[in-house]
Amino acid sequence: MLEVFSRLGSIQVDPIAVAGRSHDLVLHARVAGYESAWCDVLYEHGEIFEVTNKALSLVPTSEFPWFRLGIGRKGPRFHAGVLAENVAVAERVLGLPRAK
């Protein structure tokens, strides 16, 4: 699956599932025996991440350096404010890598 992500670069995520979630449809057409839980496993293991790339997309973690600047574009004051408003969520998210 990571080979497909690497070849395509990113796969757009659409939470509305009329015929299926868009990333699942793309992967099902390209990966024999694809199961939707596989993306969750890659995400949990840090092999892919979500980023806005014209739309919300799943991208291989190896591509993170290309997105780092855009992710931090709003600056530290913005991020500090978001964290201050969402302390419980931030603590839970930061605790995930520590739990593994």
N, C-alpha and C. Protein backbone atom coordinates (compact mmCIF):
# COMPACT_ATOMS: atom_id res chain seq x y z
N MET A 1 0.82 -1.19 0.00
CA MET A 1 0.00 0.00 0.00
C MET A 1 0.86 1.25 0.00
N LEU A 2 1.94 1.23 0.75
CA LEU A 2 2.81 2.41 0.78
C LEU A 2 3.37 2.72 -0.61
N GLU A 3 3.59 1.69 -1.41
CA GLU A 3 4.06 1.91 -2.77
C GLU A 3 3.02 2.70 -3.58
N VAL A 4 1.75 2.40 -3.38
CA VAL A 4 0.68 3.15 -4.07
C VAL A 4 0.68 4.59 -3.60
N PHE A 5 0.78 4.81 -2.29
CA PHE A 5 0.83 6.18 -1.76
C PHE A 5 2.04 6.92 -2.34
N SER A 6 3.18 6.26 -2.39
CA SER A 6 4.38 6.90 -2.91
C SER A 6 4.24 7.24 -4.39
N ARG A 7 3.64 6.33 -5.14
CA ARG A 7 3.48 6.56 -6.58
C ARG A 7 2.49 7.69 -6.85
N LEU A 8 1.38 7.73 -6.11
CA LEU A 8 0.37 8.76 -6.32
C LEU A 8 0.72 10.08 -5.63
N GLY A 9 1.52 10.01 -4.57
CA GLY A 9 1.90 11.22 -3.84
C GLY A 9 0.95 11.55 -2.72
N SER A 10 -0.33 11.55 -3.01
CA SER A 10 -1.35 11.79 -1.99
C SER A 10 -2.67 11.22 -2.49
N ILE A 11 -3.54 10.94 -1.55
CA ILE A 11 -4.88 10.44 -1.88
C ILE A 11 -5.88 11.29 -1.11
N GLN A 12 -6.78 11.92 -1.83
CA GLN A 12 -7.75 12.80 -1.21
C GLN A 12 -8.72 12.02 -0.33
N VAL A 13 -9.03 12.61 0.82
CA VAL A 13 -9.96 12.03 1.77
C VAL A 13 -11.28 12.77 1.66
N ASP A 14 -12.35 12.03 1.53
CA ASP A 14 -13.68 12.62 1.52
C ASP A 14 -14.52 11.85 2.52
N PRO A 15 -14.94 12.51 3.61
CA PRO A 15 -15.68 11.78 4.66
C PRO A 15 -17.08 11.34 4.25
N ILE A 16 -17.60 11.89 3.16
CA ILE A 16 -18.94 11.51 2.70
C ILE A 16 -18.81 10.25 1.85
N ALA A 17 -19.47 9.20 2.29
CA ALA A 17 -19.34 7.90 1.63
C ALA A 17 -20.62 7.54 0.89
N VAL A 18 -20.77 8.05 -0.33
CA VAL A 18 -21.95 7.70 -1.12
C VAL A 18 -21.79 6.28 -1.65
N ALA A 19 -20.70 6.03 -2.37
CA ALA A 19 -20.40 4.69 -2.86
C ALA A 19 -19.27 4.07 -2.02
N GLY A 20 -18.67 4.88 -1.18
CA GLY A 20 -17.54 4.49 -0.36
C GLY A 20 -16.67 5.72 -0.15
N ARG A 21 -15.80 5.68 0.85
CA ARG A 21 -14.90 6.82 1.06
C ARG A 21 -13.92 6.90 -0.10
N SER A 22 -13.63 8.09 -0.57
CA SER A 22 -12.84 8.24 -1.80
C SER A 22 -11.48 7.57 -1.72
N HIS A 23 -10.79 7.70 -0.58
CA HIS A 23 -9.47 7.06 -0.49
C HIS A 23 -9.59 5.54 -0.51
N ASP A 24 -10.68 5.01 0.07
CA ASP A 24 -10.88 3.56 0.02
C ASP A 24 -11.13 3.10 -1.41
N LEU A 25 -11.91 3.86 -2.18
CA LEU A 25 -12.19 3.50 -3.56
C LEU A 25 -10.91 3.51 -4.41
N VAL A 26 -10.08 4.53 -4.21
CA VAL A 26 -8.83 4.63 -4.96
C VAL A 26 -7.93 3.44 -4.63
N LEU A 27 -7.80 3.12 -3.35
CA LEU A 27 -6.91 2.02 -2.95
C LEU A 27 -7.48 0.66 -3.33
N HIS A 28 -8.80 0.51 -3.22
CA HIS A 28 -9.43 -0.75 -3.60
C HIS A 28 -9.18 -1.07 -5.08
N ALA A 29 -9.14 -0.03 -5.91
CA ALA A 29 -8.89 -0.22 -7.34
C ALA A 29 -7.43 -0.55 -7.65
N ARG A 30 -6.54 -0.30 -6.70
CA ARG A 30 -5.11 -0.47 -6.97
C ARG A 30 -4.41 -1.53 -6.13
N VAL A 31 -5.04 -1.96 -5.03
CA VAL A 31 -4.40 -2.91 -4.11
C VAL A 31 -5.30 -4.15 -3.99
N ALA A 32 -4.78 -5.27 -4.41
CA ALA A 32 -5.54 -6.52 -4.36
C ALA A 32 -5.94 -6.86 -2.92
N GLY A 33 -7.21 -7.17 -2.72
CA GLY A 33 -7.70 -7.56 -1.40
C GLY A 33 -7.75 -6.44 -0.38
N TYR A 34 -7.72 -5.18 -0.86
CA TYR A 34 -7.69 -4.02 0.05
C TYR A 34 -8.84 -4.06 1.06
N GLU A 35 -8.51 -3.71 2.30
CA GLU A 35 -9.50 -3.56 3.37
C GLU A 35 -9.34 -2.17 3.96
N SER A 36 -10.45 -1.49 4.24
CA SER A 36 -10.40 -0.10 4.69
C SER A 36 -9.63 0.08 6.00
N ALA A 37 -9.55 -0.94 6.82
CA ALA A 37 -8.81 -0.83 8.09
C ALA A 37 -7.31 -0.65 7.86
N TRP A 38 -6.82 -0.99 6.69
CA TRP A 38 -5.39 -0.88 6.41
C TRP A 38 -4.91 0.56 6.49
N CYS A 39 -5.71 1.52 6.03
CA CYS A 39 -5.32 2.93 6.14
C CYS A 39 -5.21 3.34 7.60
N ASP A 40 -6.14 2.87 8.42
CA ASP A 40 -6.10 3.19 9.84
C ASP A 40 -4.81 2.67 10.47
N VAL A 41 -4.39 1.49 10.08
CA VAL A 41 -3.17 0.89 10.62
C VAL A 41 -1.95 1.72 10.19
N LEU A 42 -1.90 2.09 8.91
CA LEU A 42 -0.77 2.92 8.43
C LEU A 42 -0.73 4.25 9.17
N TYR A 43 -1.91 4.84 9.40
CA TYR A 43 -2.01 6.12 10.10
C TYR A 43 -1.53 5.97 11.55
N GLU A 44 -2.00 4.92 12.22
CA GLU A 44 -1.63 4.68 13.62
C GLU A 44 -0.13 4.41 13.78
N HIS A 45 0.49 3.79 12.78
CA HIS A 45 1.92 3.49 12.83
C HIS A 45 2.78 4.63 12.30
N GLY A 46 2.15 5.74 11.94
CA GLY A 46 2.90 6.90 11.49
C GLY A 46 3.47 6.78 10.08
N GLU A 47 2.91 5.88 9.27
CA GLU A 47 3.39 5.69 7.90
C GLU A 47 2.75 6.71 6.95
N ILE A 48 1.56 7.21 7.29
CA ILE A 48 0.88 8.24 6.51
C ILE A 48 0.36 9.30 7.47
N PHE A 49 0.09 10.51 6.96
CA PHE A 49 -0.47 11.56 7.79
C PHE A 49 -1.48 12.35 6.97
N GLU A 50 -2.32 13.11 7.65
CA GLU A 50 -3.32 13.95 7.00
C GLU A 50 -2.77 15.35 6.84
N VAL A 51 -3.02 15.94 5.68
CA VAL A 51 -2.59 17.31 5.43
C VAL A 51 -3.53 17.92 4.40
N THR A 52 -3.68 19.22 4.46
CA THR A 52 -4.46 19.89 3.44
C THR A 52 -3.56 20.14 2.25
N ASN A 53 -3.86 19.48 1.16
CA ASN A 53 -3.10 19.55 -0.08
C ASN A 53 -4.13 19.86 -1.17
N LYS A 54 -4.63 21.09 -1.17
CA LYS A 54 -5.79 21.54 -1.96
C LYS A 54 -7.08 21.01 -1.34
N ALA A 55 -7.04 19.85 -0.76
CA ALA A 55 -8.15 19.24 -0.03
C ALA A 55 -7.50 18.33 1.01
N LEU A 56 -8.28 17.85 1.95
CA LEU A 56 -7.71 16.95 2.96
C LEU A 56 -7.22 15.68 2.27
N SER A 57 -5.97 15.33 2.50
CA SER A 57 -5.36 14.19 1.83
C SER A 57 -4.56 13.35 2.80
N LEU A 58 -4.37 12.09 2.44
CA LEU A 58 -3.46 11.19 3.14
C LEU A 58 -2.18 11.16 2.33
N VAL A 59 -1.05 11.34 3.01
CA VAL A 59 0.25 11.47 2.35
C VAL A 59 1.25 10.58 3.09
N PRO A 60 2.18 9.95 2.37
CA PRO A 60 3.20 9.16 3.06
C PRO A 60 4.07 10.05 3.95
N THR A 61 4.42 9.58 5.11
CA THR A 61 5.22 10.35 6.06
C THR A 61 6.57 10.75 5.45
N SER A 62 7.06 10.01 4.51
CA SER A 62 8.32 10.37 3.86
C SER A 62 8.23 11.72 3.15
N GLU A 63 7.03 12.17 2.86
CA GLU A 63 6.81 13.46 2.18
C GLU A 63 6.62 14.62 3.16
N PHE A 64 6.65 14.34 4.46
CA PHE A 64 6.39 15.37 5.46
C PHE A 64 7.24 16.64 5.29
N PRO A 65 8.55 16.52 5.01
CA PRO A 65 9.35 17.75 4.87
C PRO A 65 8.78 18.74 3.84
N TRP A 66 8.12 18.25 2.80
CA TRP A 66 7.56 19.13 1.78
C TRP A 66 6.36 19.91 2.31
N PHE A 67 5.71 19.42 3.34
CA PHE A 67 4.51 20.05 3.88
C PHE A 67 4.76 20.81 5.17
N ARG A 68 5.93 20.65 5.75
CA ARG A 68 6.24 21.23 7.05
C ARG A 68 6.04 22.74 7.08
N LEU A 69 6.53 23.44 6.08
CA LEU A 69 6.40 24.89 6.04
C LEU A 69 4.94 25.31 6.00
N GLY A 70 4.15 24.68 5.15
CA GLY A 70 2.73 25.01 5.04
C GLY A 70 1.95 24.73 6.31
N ILE A 71 2.33 23.67 7.01
CA ILE A 71 1.64 23.31 8.25
C ILE A 71 1.87 24.39 9.30
N GLY A 72 3.07 24.95 9.35
CA GLY A 72 3.40 25.95 10.35
C GLY A 72 3.20 27.38 9.90
N ARG A 73 2.55 27.61 8.77
CA ARG A 73 2.45 28.93 8.17
C ARG A 73 1.75 29.96 9.06
N LYS A 74 0.82 29.55 9.90
CA LYS A 74 0.08 30.52 10.70
C LYS A 74 0.88 31.04 11.89
N GLY A 75 1.98 30.42 12.19
CA GLY A 75 2.87 30.93 13.22
C GLY A 75 2.60 30.40 14.61
N PRO A 76 3.57 30.56 15.51
CA PRO A 76 3.48 30.00 16.86
C PRO A 76 2.37 30.61 17.70
N ARG A 77 2.04 31.88 17.51
CA ARG A 77 0.95 32.47 18.31
C ARG A 77 -0.38 31.79 18.00
N PHE A 78 -0.63 31.53 16.72
CA PHE A 78 -1.86 30.85 16.33
C PHE A 78 -1.93 29.48 16.99
N HIS A 79 -0.84 28.71 16.87
CA HIS A 79 -0.83 27.36 17.41
C HIS A 79 -0.95 27.36 18.93
N ALA A 80 -0.31 28.31 19.60
CA ALA A 80 -0.41 28.40 21.06
C ALA A 80 -1.85 28.68 21.46
N GLY A 81 -2.54 29.53 20.71
CA GLY A 81 -3.94 29.83 21.02
C GLY A 81 -4.83 28.62 20.82
N VAL A 82 -4.61 27.87 19.75
CA VAL A 82 -5.40 26.67 19.50
C VAL A 82 -5.16 25.65 20.60
N LEU A 83 -3.90 25.47 20.99
CA LEU A 83 -3.60 24.52 22.06
C LEU A 83 -4.22 24.95 23.38
N ALA A 84 -4.16 26.25 23.68
CA ALA A 84 -4.73 26.76 24.93
C ALA A 84 -6.24 26.53 24.98
N GLU A 85 -6.90 26.61 23.84
CA GLU A 85 -8.34 26.42 23.78
C GLU A 85 -8.73 24.94 23.80
N ASN A 86 -7.78 24.07 23.54
CA ASN A 86 -8.07 22.64 23.43
C ASN A 86 -7.07 21.80 24.22
N VAL A 87 -6.86 22.17 25.46
CA VAL A 87 -5.83 21.52 26.29
C VAL A 87 -6.05 20.02 26.41
N ALA A 88 -7.27 19.59 26.67
CA ALA A 88 -7.53 18.16 26.87
C ALA A 88 -7.23 17.36 25.60
N VAL A 89 -7.61 17.90 24.46
CA VAL A 89 -7.35 17.22 23.19
C VAL A 89 -5.85 17.17 22.93
N ALA A 90 -5.15 18.30 23.14
CA ALA A 90 -3.71 18.36 22.91
C ALA A 90 -2.98 17.35 23.80
N GLU A 91 -3.37 17.25 25.05
CA GLU A 91 -2.73 16.29 25.96
C GLU A 91 -2.96 14.86 25.51
N ARG A 92 -4.18 14.58 25.04
CA ARG A 92 -4.49 13.23 24.56
C ARG A 92 -3.65 12.90 23.32
N VAL A 93 -3.58 13.82 22.37
CA VAL A 93 -2.81 13.60 21.15
C VAL A 93 -1.33 13.44 21.46
N LEU A 94 -0.79 14.30 22.30
CA LEU A 94 0.63 14.20 22.66
C LEU A 94 0.94 12.94 23.44
N GLY A 95 -0.06 12.41 24.13
CA GLY A 95 0.14 11.18 24.89
C GLY A 95 0.16 9.93 24.04
N LEU A 96 -0.38 9.98 22.82
CA LEU A 96 -0.43 8.79 21.96
C LEU A 96 0.96 8.24 21.64
N PRO A 97 1.91 9.05 21.17
CA PRO A 97 3.24 8.47 20.90
C PRO A 97 3.92 7.95 22.16
N ARG A 98 3.67 8.60 23.27
CA ARG A 98 4.29 8.17 24.53
C ARG A 98 3.74 6.82 24.97
N ALA A 99 2.47 6.53 24.64
CA ALA A 99 1.84 5.28 25.05
C ALA A 99 2.38 4.08 24.27
N LYS A 100 2.99 4.33 23.12
CA LYS A 100 3.45 3.23 22.27
C LYS A 100 4.83 2.86 22.55
